[in-house]
Amino acid sequence: MSPAWSFGLVALALLSGGVVYGVDVFFALIARPALRRVDDASLTQVLGHLHAVADARMPLFGATALLSTGVLCWVAGGWATLAGCLALLALAGLLTQLAAYVLVAQPVNKRQTAAARQKQTPADVRALQDRWDSVIGLRAGALTVAMAALLGVAWQLFQ
């Protein structure tokens, strides 16, 4: 693959993955502690509507990051090269984040979104949020590994 295509692929993986990374790190470090200070009704309304928008828009960025990183694994040589191994590590980080999202966060998002749309506050709103919070550190950490690995791929391919 030409250097221009390789560069474009790395850039696409970094930029699309960076959107997901930025959102999860923001929630882990800023939104989560701030949202603990609001009342239950506000928590439901804010997060319900945020999740409605995010769950509609974020899959484009996540899928682009996964696909471009997957292709990058092949382009970089897979297990045979350091760049390929780093790309595989990045893919593992992205898949870890996705698994935590699908298995834990997404069901919470759906309940919060439904409650916000119906202008109701679930009796277990704090338990729901605690469940969502239980994986945000893992998600942000996995994405940190993925982004660092993608930077390593870029370094290896273009030094």
N, C-alpha and C. Protein backbone atom coordinates (compact mmCIF):
# COMPACT_ATOMS: atom_id res chain seq x y z
N MET A 1 0.86 -1.18 0.00
CA MET A 1 0.00 0.00 0.00
C MET A 1 0.91 1.24 0.00
N SER A 2 0.52 2.24 -0.74
CA SER A 2 1.33 3.44 -0.85
C SER A 2 1.37 4.18 0.49
N PRO A 3 2.43 4.96 0.71
CA PRO A 3 2.53 5.72 1.96
C PRO A 3 1.34 6.67 2.16
N ALA A 4 0.83 7.23 1.08
CA ALA A 4 -0.30 8.16 1.20
C ALA A 4 -1.54 7.42 1.72
N TRP A 5 -1.79 6.21 1.19
CA TRP A 5 -2.94 5.43 1.66
C TRP A 5 -2.74 4.99 3.10
N SER A 6 -1.53 4.57 3.43
CA SER A 6 -1.23 4.17 4.81
C SER A 6 -1.43 5.33 5.76
N PHE A 7 -0.95 6.50 5.36
CA PHE A 7 -1.11 7.69 6.20
C PHE A 7 -2.60 8.00 6.38
N GLY A 8 -3.36 7.94 5.30
CA GLY A 8 -4.79 8.21 5.38
C GLY A 8 -5.51 7.23 6.29
N LEU A 9 -5.11 5.98 6.23
CA LEU A 9 -5.72 4.96 7.08
C LEU A 9 -5.41 5.19 8.55
N VAL A 10 -4.15 5.50 8.85
CA VAL A 10 -3.77 5.82 10.24
C VAL A 10 -4.50 7.06 10.72
N ALA A 11 -4.57 8.07 9.87
CA ALA A 11 -5.27 9.31 10.25
C ALA A 11 -6.75 9.03 10.52
N LEU A 12 -7.38 8.26 9.67
CA LEU A 12 -8.80 7.92 9.86
C LEU A 12 -9.01 7.16 11.17
N ALA A 13 -8.15 6.19 11.44
CA ALA A 13 -8.25 5.42 12.69
C ALA A 13 -8.07 6.33 13.90
N LEU A 14 -7.07 7.20 13.84
CA LEU A 14 -6.81 8.11 14.96
C LEU A 14 -7.94 9.13 15.16
N LEU A 15 -8.41 9.70 14.08
CA LEU A 15 -9.46 10.72 14.21
C LEU A 15 -10.79 10.14 14.65
N SER A 16 -11.20 9.04 14.05
CA SER A 16 -12.48 8.44 14.44
C SER A 16 -12.39 7.83 15.84
N GLY A 17 -11.31 7.15 16.13
CA GLY A 17 -11.10 6.62 17.47
C GLY A 17 -10.97 7.73 18.49
N GLY A 18 -10.37 8.84 18.07
CA GLY A 18 -10.21 9.98 18.97
C GLY A 18 -11.52 10.59 19.41
N VAL A 19 -12.52 10.56 18.56
CA VAL A 19 -13.84 11.07 18.94
C VAL A 19 -14.41 10.21 20.08
N VAL A 20 -14.36 8.90 19.92
CA VAL A 20 -14.88 7.99 20.94
C VAL A 20 -14.05 8.12 22.22
N TYR A 21 -12.75 8.18 22.07
CA TYR A 21 -11.84 8.33 23.20
C TYR A 21 -12.15 9.61 23.98
N GLY A 22 -12.30 10.71 23.28
CA GLY A 22 -12.58 11.98 23.93
C GLY A 22 -13.88 11.97 24.71
N VAL A 23 -14.91 11.37 24.15
CA VAL A 23 -16.21 11.31 24.84
C VAL A 23 -16.09 10.47 26.10
N ASP A 24 -15.47 9.29 26.00
CA ASP A 24 -15.39 8.42 27.17
C ASP A 24 -14.49 9.01 28.25
N VAL A 25 -13.38 9.61 27.88
CA VAL A 25 -12.51 10.23 28.88
C VAL A 25 -13.21 11.42 29.53
N PHE A 26 -13.94 12.21 28.75
CA PHE A 26 -14.71 13.31 29.32
C PHE A 26 -15.70 12.80 30.36
N PHE A 27 -16.43 11.75 30.03
CA PHE A 27 -17.40 11.22 30.98
C PHE A 27 -16.72 10.62 32.20
N ALA A 28 -15.60 9.94 32.02
CA ALA A 28 -14.90 9.33 33.15
C ALA A 28 -14.36 10.39 34.12
N LEU A 29 -13.80 11.46 33.57
CA LEU A 29 -13.11 12.45 34.41
C LEU A 29 -13.95 13.65 34.82
N ILE A 30 -14.93 14.03 34.02
CA ILE A 30 -15.65 15.28 34.27
C ILE A 30 -17.14 15.05 34.50
N ALA A 31 -17.81 14.44 33.56
CA ALA A 31 -19.27 14.32 33.66
C ALA A 31 -19.70 13.44 34.82
N ARG A 32 -19.05 12.31 35.01
CA ARG A 32 -19.46 11.38 36.07
C ARG A 32 -19.44 12.05 37.44
N PRO A 33 -18.33 12.68 37.85
CA PRO A 33 -18.37 13.33 39.17
C PRO A 33 -19.35 14.50 39.23
N ALA A 34 -19.51 15.23 38.13
CA ALA A 34 -20.44 16.37 38.13
C ALA A 34 -21.88 15.90 38.24
N LEU A 35 -22.21 14.82 37.56
CA LEU A 35 -23.59 14.34 37.56
C LEU A 35 -24.01 13.74 38.90
N ARG A 36 -23.04 13.38 39.72
CA ARG A 36 -23.38 12.90 41.07
C ARG A 36 -23.99 14.00 41.93
N ARG A 37 -23.82 15.24 41.53
CA ARG A 37 -24.29 16.39 42.31
C ARG A 37 -25.69 16.87 41.93
N VAL A 38 -26.28 16.28 40.91
CA VAL A 38 -27.60 16.74 40.47
C VAL A 38 -28.69 15.84 41.04
N ASP A 39 -29.92 16.36 41.04
CA ASP A 39 -31.04 15.57 41.54
C ASP A 39 -31.41 14.48 40.53
N ASP A 40 -32.19 13.52 40.97
CA ASP A 40 -32.53 12.36 40.16
C ASP A 40 -33.26 12.71 38.86
N ALA A 41 -34.19 13.66 38.95
CA ALA A 41 -34.94 14.04 37.74
C ALA A 41 -34.02 14.69 36.71
N SER A 42 -33.13 15.56 37.17
CA SER A 42 -32.18 16.21 36.25
C SER A 42 -31.23 15.19 35.64
N LEU A 43 -30.76 14.26 36.46
CA LEU A 43 -29.88 13.21 35.97
C LEU A 43 -30.56 12.43 34.84
N THR A 44 -31.79 12.06 35.07
CA THR A 44 -32.53 11.29 34.06
C THR A 44 -32.72 12.09 32.78
N GLN A 45 -33.13 13.34 32.90
CA GLN A 45 -33.38 14.15 31.72
C GLN A 45 -32.10 14.43 30.94
N VAL A 46 -31.06 14.85 31.63
CA VAL A 46 -29.81 15.19 30.94
C VAL A 46 -29.21 13.95 30.27
N LEU A 47 -29.04 12.88 31.03
CA LEU A 47 -28.41 11.70 30.45
C LEU A 47 -29.31 11.01 29.44
N GLY A 48 -30.59 10.98 29.68
CA GLY A 48 -31.49 10.37 28.72
C GLY A 48 -31.41 11.03 27.35
N HIS A 49 -31.40 12.35 27.35
CA HIS A 49 -31.32 13.06 26.07
C HIS A 49 -29.92 13.02 25.47
N LEU A 50 -28.89 13.06 26.31
CA LEU A 50 -27.52 12.91 25.80
C LEU A 50 -27.34 11.55 25.14
N HIS A 51 -27.82 10.50 25.81
CA HIS A 51 -27.67 9.17 25.25
C HIS A 51 -28.47 8.99 23.97
N ALA A 52 -29.61 9.63 23.89
CA ALA A 52 -30.41 9.53 22.66
C ALA A 52 -29.63 10.07 21.47
N VAL A 53 -28.99 11.20 21.67
CA VAL A 53 -28.20 11.80 20.58
C VAL A 53 -26.93 10.99 20.34
N ALA A 54 -26.21 10.67 21.41
CA ALA A 54 -24.94 9.96 21.26
C ALA A 54 -25.14 8.57 20.65
N ASP A 55 -26.17 7.86 21.09
CA ASP A 55 -26.38 6.51 20.56
C ASP A 55 -26.78 6.53 19.09
N ALA A 56 -27.25 7.65 18.62
CA ALA A 56 -27.56 7.78 17.19
C ALA A 56 -26.33 8.18 16.38
N ARG A 57 -25.40 8.93 16.97
CA ARG A 57 -24.28 9.48 16.20
C ARG A 57 -22.94 8.76 16.40
N MET A 58 -22.70 8.25 17.59
CA MET A 58 -21.40 7.67 17.89
C MET A 58 -21.08 6.38 17.14
N PRO A 59 -22.07 5.55 16.78
CA PRO A 59 -21.71 4.33 16.05
C PRO A 59 -20.93 4.58 14.77
N LEU A 60 -21.17 5.68 14.09
CA LEU A 60 -20.41 6.00 12.88
C LEU A 60 -18.92 6.11 13.20
N PHE A 61 -18.60 6.81 14.28
CA PHE A 61 -17.20 6.99 14.65
C PHE A 61 -16.58 5.68 15.14
N GLY A 62 -17.33 4.94 15.96
CA GLY A 62 -16.83 3.67 16.46
C GLY A 62 -16.60 2.66 15.35
N ALA A 63 -17.55 2.55 14.45
CA ALA A 63 -17.41 1.60 13.33
C ALA A 63 -16.26 2.00 12.42
N THR A 64 -16.12 3.29 12.17
CA THR A 64 -15.01 3.75 11.34
C THR A 64 -13.68 3.44 12.00
N ALA A 65 -13.58 3.66 13.30
CA ALA A 65 -12.35 3.35 14.03
C ALA A 65 -12.04 1.86 13.96
N LEU A 66 -13.05 1.03 14.18
CA LEU A 66 -12.84 -0.42 14.14
C LEU A 66 -12.42 -0.89 12.74
N LEU A 67 -13.13 -0.44 11.73
CA LEU A 67 -12.81 -0.87 10.37
C LEU A 67 -11.44 -0.39 9.92
N SER A 68 -11.15 0.87 10.14
CA SER A 68 -9.85 1.40 9.70
C SER A 68 -8.70 0.76 10.48
N THR A 69 -8.92 0.50 11.76
CA THR A 69 -7.88 -0.16 12.55
C THR A 69 -7.71 -1.61 12.12
N GLY A 70 -8.82 -2.28 11.82
CA GLY A 70 -8.74 -3.65 11.31
C GLY A 70 -7.96 -3.74 10.01
N VAL A 71 -8.24 -2.84 9.09
CA VAL A 71 -7.49 -2.82 7.83
C VAL A 71 -6.03 -2.47 8.10
N LEU A 72 -5.81 -1.58 9.03
CA LEU A 72 -4.45 -1.19 9.39
C LEU A 72 -3.65 -2.38 9.92
N CYS A 73 -4.30 -3.28 10.64
CA CYS A 73 -3.62 -4.50 11.13
C CYS A 73 -3.03 -5.27 9.95
N TRP A 74 -3.82 -5.40 8.91
CA TRP A 74 -3.37 -6.12 7.72
C TRP A 74 -2.27 -5.35 6.98
N VAL A 75 -2.51 -4.05 6.77
CA VAL A 75 -1.55 -3.22 6.05
C VAL A 75 -0.21 -3.16 6.77
N ALA A 76 -0.25 -3.14 8.09
CA ALA A 76 0.98 -3.00 8.87
C ALA A 76 1.71 -4.33 9.06
N GLY A 77 1.13 -5.43 8.61
CA GLY A 77 1.85 -6.69 8.64
C GLY A 77 1.44 -7.67 9.73
N GLY A 78 0.39 -7.35 10.46
CA GLY A 78 -0.09 -8.28 11.50
C GLY A 78 0.98 -8.62 12.52
N TRP A 79 0.99 -9.89 12.95
CA TRP A 79 1.93 -10.32 14.00
C TRP A 79 3.39 -10.24 13.56
N ALA A 80 3.64 -10.12 12.26
CA ALA A 80 5.02 -10.17 11.75
C ALA A 80 5.82 -8.90 11.98
N THR A 81 5.15 -7.79 12.30
CA THR A 81 5.86 -6.52 12.47
C THR A 81 5.42 -5.84 13.77
N LEU A 82 6.26 -4.94 14.26
CA LEU A 82 5.89 -4.18 15.46
C LEU A 82 4.67 -3.31 15.17
N ALA A 83 4.64 -2.68 14.00
CA ALA A 83 3.48 -1.84 13.65
C ALA A 83 2.21 -2.68 13.60
N GLY A 84 2.29 -3.87 13.05
CA GLY A 84 1.13 -4.75 12.99
C GLY A 84 0.67 -5.18 14.37
N CYS A 85 1.62 -5.50 15.24
CA CYS A 85 1.26 -5.87 16.62
C CYS A 85 0.61 -4.70 17.35
N LEU A 86 1.11 -3.51 17.13
CA LEU A 86 0.51 -2.32 17.75
C LEU A 86 -0.90 -2.09 17.22
N ALA A 87 -1.10 -2.32 15.94
CA ALA A 87 -2.44 -2.18 15.36
C ALA A 87 -3.39 -3.22 15.96
N LEU A 88 -2.90 -4.43 16.17
CA LEU A 88 -3.72 -5.46 16.81
C LEU A 88 -4.04 -5.08 18.26
N LEU A 89 -3.10 -4.49 18.96
CA LEU A 89 -3.34 -4.00 20.32
C LEU A 89 -4.41 -2.90 20.31
N ALA A 90 -4.31 -2.01 19.34
CA ALA A 90 -5.33 -0.95 19.20
C ALA A 90 -6.70 -1.55 18.94
N LEU A 91 -6.75 -2.54 18.08
CA LEU A 91 -8.02 -3.20 17.79
C LEU A 91 -8.57 -3.88 19.05
N ALA A 92 -7.72 -4.49 19.83
CA ALA A 92 -8.16 -5.12 21.09
C ALA A 92 -8.73 -4.08 22.04
N GLY A 93 -8.09 -2.91 22.11
CA GLY A 93 -8.61 -1.83 22.96
C GLY A 93 -9.98 -1.36 22.50
N LEU A 94 -10.13 -1.19 21.20
CA LEU A 94 -11.42 -0.75 20.65
C LEU A 94 -12.51 -1.79 20.89
N LEU A 95 -12.17 -3.05 20.74
CA LEU A 95 -13.15 -4.11 20.96
C LEU A 95 -13.51 -4.26 22.44
N THR A 96 -12.55 -4.02 23.31
CA THR A 96 -12.83 -4.05 24.75
C THR A 96 -13.81 -2.95 25.12
N GLN A 97 -13.57 -1.75 24.60
CA GLN A 97 -14.49 -0.64 24.86
C GLN A 97 -15.87 -0.96 24.32
N LEU A 98 -15.94 -1.50 23.13
CA LEU A 98 -17.23 -1.83 22.52
C LEU A 98 -17.98 -2.88 23.34
N ALA A 99 -17.28 -3.90 23.80
CA ALA A 99 -17.92 -4.94 24.59
C ALA A 99 -18.49 -4.36 25.89
N ALA A 100 -17.73 -3.52 26.57
CA ALA A 100 -18.21 -2.90 27.82
C ALA A 100 -19.42 -2.01 27.54
N TYR A 101 -19.38 -1.31 26.42
CA TYR A 101 -20.51 -0.47 26.05
C TYR A 101 -21.76 -1.31 25.79
N VAL A 102 -21.64 -2.31 24.92
CA VAL A 102 -22.80 -3.10 24.51
C VAL A 102 -23.38 -3.90 25.68
N LEU A 103 -22.53 -4.47 26.49
CA LEU A 103 -23.00 -5.35 27.57
C LEU A 103 -23.51 -4.61 28.79
N VAL A 104 -22.94 -3.44 29.08
CA VAL A 104 -23.30 -2.75 30.32
C VAL A 104 -23.93 -1.39 30.07
N ALA A 105 -23.26 -0.53 29.32
CA ALA A 105 -23.72 0.86 29.19
C ALA A 105 -24.95 1.01 28.30
N GLN A 106 -24.99 0.33 27.18
CA GLN A 106 -26.10 0.51 26.24
C GLN A 106 -27.47 0.19 26.85
N PRO A 107 -27.62 -0.90 27.61
CA PRO A 107 -28.93 -1.14 28.24
C PRO A 107 -29.34 -0.01 29.20
N VAL A 108 -28.37 0.55 29.90
CA VAL A 108 -28.66 1.69 30.78
C VAL A 108 -29.08 2.89 29.95
N ASN A 109 -28.35 3.15 28.87
CA ASN A 109 -28.68 4.26 27.99
C ASN A 109 -30.12 4.16 27.51
N LYS A 110 -30.53 2.98 27.11
CA LYS A 110 -31.89 2.79 26.58
C LYS A 110 -32.94 3.08 27.65
N ARG A 111 -32.69 2.63 28.86
CA ARG A 111 -33.66 2.91 29.95
C ARG A 111 -33.71 4.39 30.27
N GLN A 112 -32.54 5.04 30.31
CA GLN A 112 -32.52 6.47 30.62
C GLN A 112 -33.17 7.28 29.50
N THR A 113 -32.93 6.89 28.27
CA THR A 113 -33.52 7.59 27.14
C THR A 113 -35.04 7.45 27.16
N ALA A 114 -35.53 6.25 27.40
CA ALA A 114 -36.98 6.03 27.45
C ALA A 114 -37.60 6.84 28.59
N ALA A 115 -36.96 6.85 29.74
CA ALA A 115 -37.49 7.60 30.88
C ALA A 115 -37.51 9.10 30.59
N ALA A 116 -36.46 9.61 29.98
CA ALA A 116 -36.40 11.04 29.67
C ALA A 116 -37.49 11.42 28.66
N ARG A 117 -37.70 10.60 27.67
CA ARG A 117 -38.72 10.88 26.67
C ARG A 117 -40.12 10.86 27.27
N GLN A 118 -40.32 10.02 28.27
CA GLN A 118 -41.62 9.92 28.93
C GLN A 118 -41.73 10.89 30.11
N LYS A 119 -40.67 11.66 30.33
CA LYS A 119 -40.61 12.63 31.44
C LYS A 119 -40.86 11.94 32.78
N GLN A 120 -40.23 10.78 32.94
CA GLN A 120 -40.33 10.02 34.19
C GLN A 120 -38.93 9.86 34.77
N THR A 121 -38.89 9.63 36.07
CA THR A 121 -37.63 9.37 36.75
C THR A 121 -37.72 7.97 37.35
N PRO A 122 -36.90 7.05 36.86
CA PRO A 122 -36.95 5.69 37.40
C PRO A 122 -36.59 5.67 38.88
N ALA A 123 -37.23 4.79 39.63
CA ALA A 123 -36.94 4.68 41.06
C ALA A 123 -35.49 4.24 41.28
N ASP A 124 -34.92 3.51 40.33
CA ASP A 124 -33.55 3.02 40.46
C ASP A 124 -32.55 3.83 39.64
N VAL A 125 -32.83 5.12 39.45
CA VAL A 125 -31.98 5.95 38.59
C VAL A 125 -30.52 5.96 39.05
N ARG A 126 -30.28 6.01 40.35
CA ARG A 126 -28.89 6.02 40.85
C ARG A 126 -28.22 4.66 40.65
N ALA A 127 -28.97 3.59 40.82
CA ALA A 127 -28.42 2.26 40.57
C ALA A 127 -28.09 2.08 39.09
N LEU A 128 -28.96 2.60 38.24
CA LEU A 128 -28.68 2.58 36.80
C LEU A 128 -27.39 3.33 36.49
N GLN A 129 -27.27 4.52 37.06
CA GLN A 129 -26.07 5.32 36.80
C GLN A 129 -24.83 4.65 37.37
N ASP A 130 -24.95 4.03 38.53
CA ASP A 130 -23.81 3.30 39.10
C ASP A 130 -23.38 2.16 38.18
N ARG A 131 -24.35 1.50 37.58
CA ARG A 131 -24.02 0.42 36.64
C ARG A 131 -23.27 0.98 35.43
N TRP A 132 -23.74 2.08 34.89
CA TRP A 132 -23.08 2.72 33.74
C TRP A 132 -21.67 3.15 34.15
N ASP A 133 -21.57 3.78 35.32
CA ASP A 133 -20.28 4.26 35.81
C ASP A 133 -19.29 3.12 36.04
N SER A 134 -19.79 1.92 36.30
CA SER A 134 -18.92 0.79 36.63
C SER A 134 -17.98 0.40 35.50
N VAL A 135 -18.29 0.80 34.26
CA VAL A 135 -17.42 0.43 33.14
C VAL A 135 -16.79 1.62 32.43
N ILE A 136 -17.08 2.83 32.86
CA ILE A 136 -16.53 3.98 32.12
C ILE A 136 -15.01 4.07 32.29
N GLY A 137 -14.50 3.68 33.43
CA GLY A 137 -13.04 3.66 33.60
C GLY A 137 -12.39 2.64 32.69
N LEU A 138 -12.99 1.46 32.60
CA LEU A 138 -12.50 0.43 31.69
C LEU A 138 -12.55 0.91 30.25
N ARG A 139 -13.67 1.52 29.88
CA ARG A 139 -13.82 2.00 28.51
C ARG A 139 -12.77 3.06 28.18
N ALA A 140 -12.60 4.03 29.08
CA ALA A 140 -11.62 5.09 28.84
C ALA A 140 -10.20 4.51 28.82
N GLY A 141 -9.92 3.58 29.71
CA GLY A 141 -8.59 2.95 29.74
C GLY A 141 -8.30 2.16 28.48
N ALA A 142 -9.28 1.38 28.03
CA ALA A 142 -9.10 0.59 26.80
C ALA A 142 -8.88 1.50 25.60
N LEU A 143 -9.58 2.61 25.58
CA LEU A 143 -9.40 3.55 24.46
C LEU A 143 -8.08 4.28 24.56
N THR A 144 -7.58 4.52 25.76
CA THR A 144 -6.25 5.12 25.92
C THR A 144 -5.19 4.19 25.34
N VAL A 145 -5.32 2.90 25.64
CA VAL A 145 -4.40 1.91 25.07
C VAL A 145 -4.51 1.92 23.55
N ALA A 146 -5.74 1.94 23.04
CA ALA A 146 -5.94 1.92 21.59
C ALA A 146 -5.31 3.15 20.92
N MET A 147 -5.54 4.31 21.50
CA MET A 147 -4.99 5.53 20.88
C MET A 147 -3.47 5.55 20.95
N ALA A 148 -2.91 5.13 22.08
CA ALA A 148 -1.45 5.08 22.20
C ALA A 148 -0.87 4.09 21.19
N ALA A 149 -1.52 2.94 21.04
CA ALA A 149 -1.05 1.95 20.08
C ALA A 149 -1.13 2.48 18.65
N LEU A 150 -2.21 3.20 18.33
CA LEU A 150 -2.31 3.79 16.99
C LEU A 150 -1.23 4.84 16.75
N LEU A 151 -0.90 5.60 17.77
CA LEU A 151 0.21 6.54 17.63
C LEU A 151 1.52 5.79 17.39
N GLY A 152 1.66 4.65 18.07
CA GLY A 152 2.83 3.80 17.84
C GLY A 152 2.88 3.27 16.42
N VAL A 153 1.74 2.89 15.89
CA VAL A 153 1.68 2.44 14.49
C VAL A 153 2.14 3.57 13.58
N ALA A 154 1.62 4.76 13.80
CA ALA A 154 2.03 5.90 12.98
C ALA A 154 3.53 6.12 13.07
N TRP A 155 4.06 6.05 14.26
CA TRP A 155 5.50 6.25 14.46
C TRP A 155 6.29 5.19 13.69
N GLN A 156 5.86 3.94 13.79
CA GLN A 156 6.56 2.84 13.12
C GLN A 156 6.48 2.96 11.60
N LEU A 157 5.34 3.33 11.10
CA LEU A 157 5.17 3.38 9.64
C LEU A 157 5.81 4.59 8.99
N PHE A 158 5.92 5.68 9.73
CA PHE A 158 6.32 6.93 9.08
C PHE A 158 7.57 7.57 9.66
N GLN A 159 8.37 6.82 10.38
CA GLN A 159 9.60 7.42 10.90
C GLN A 159 10.69 7.48 9.87
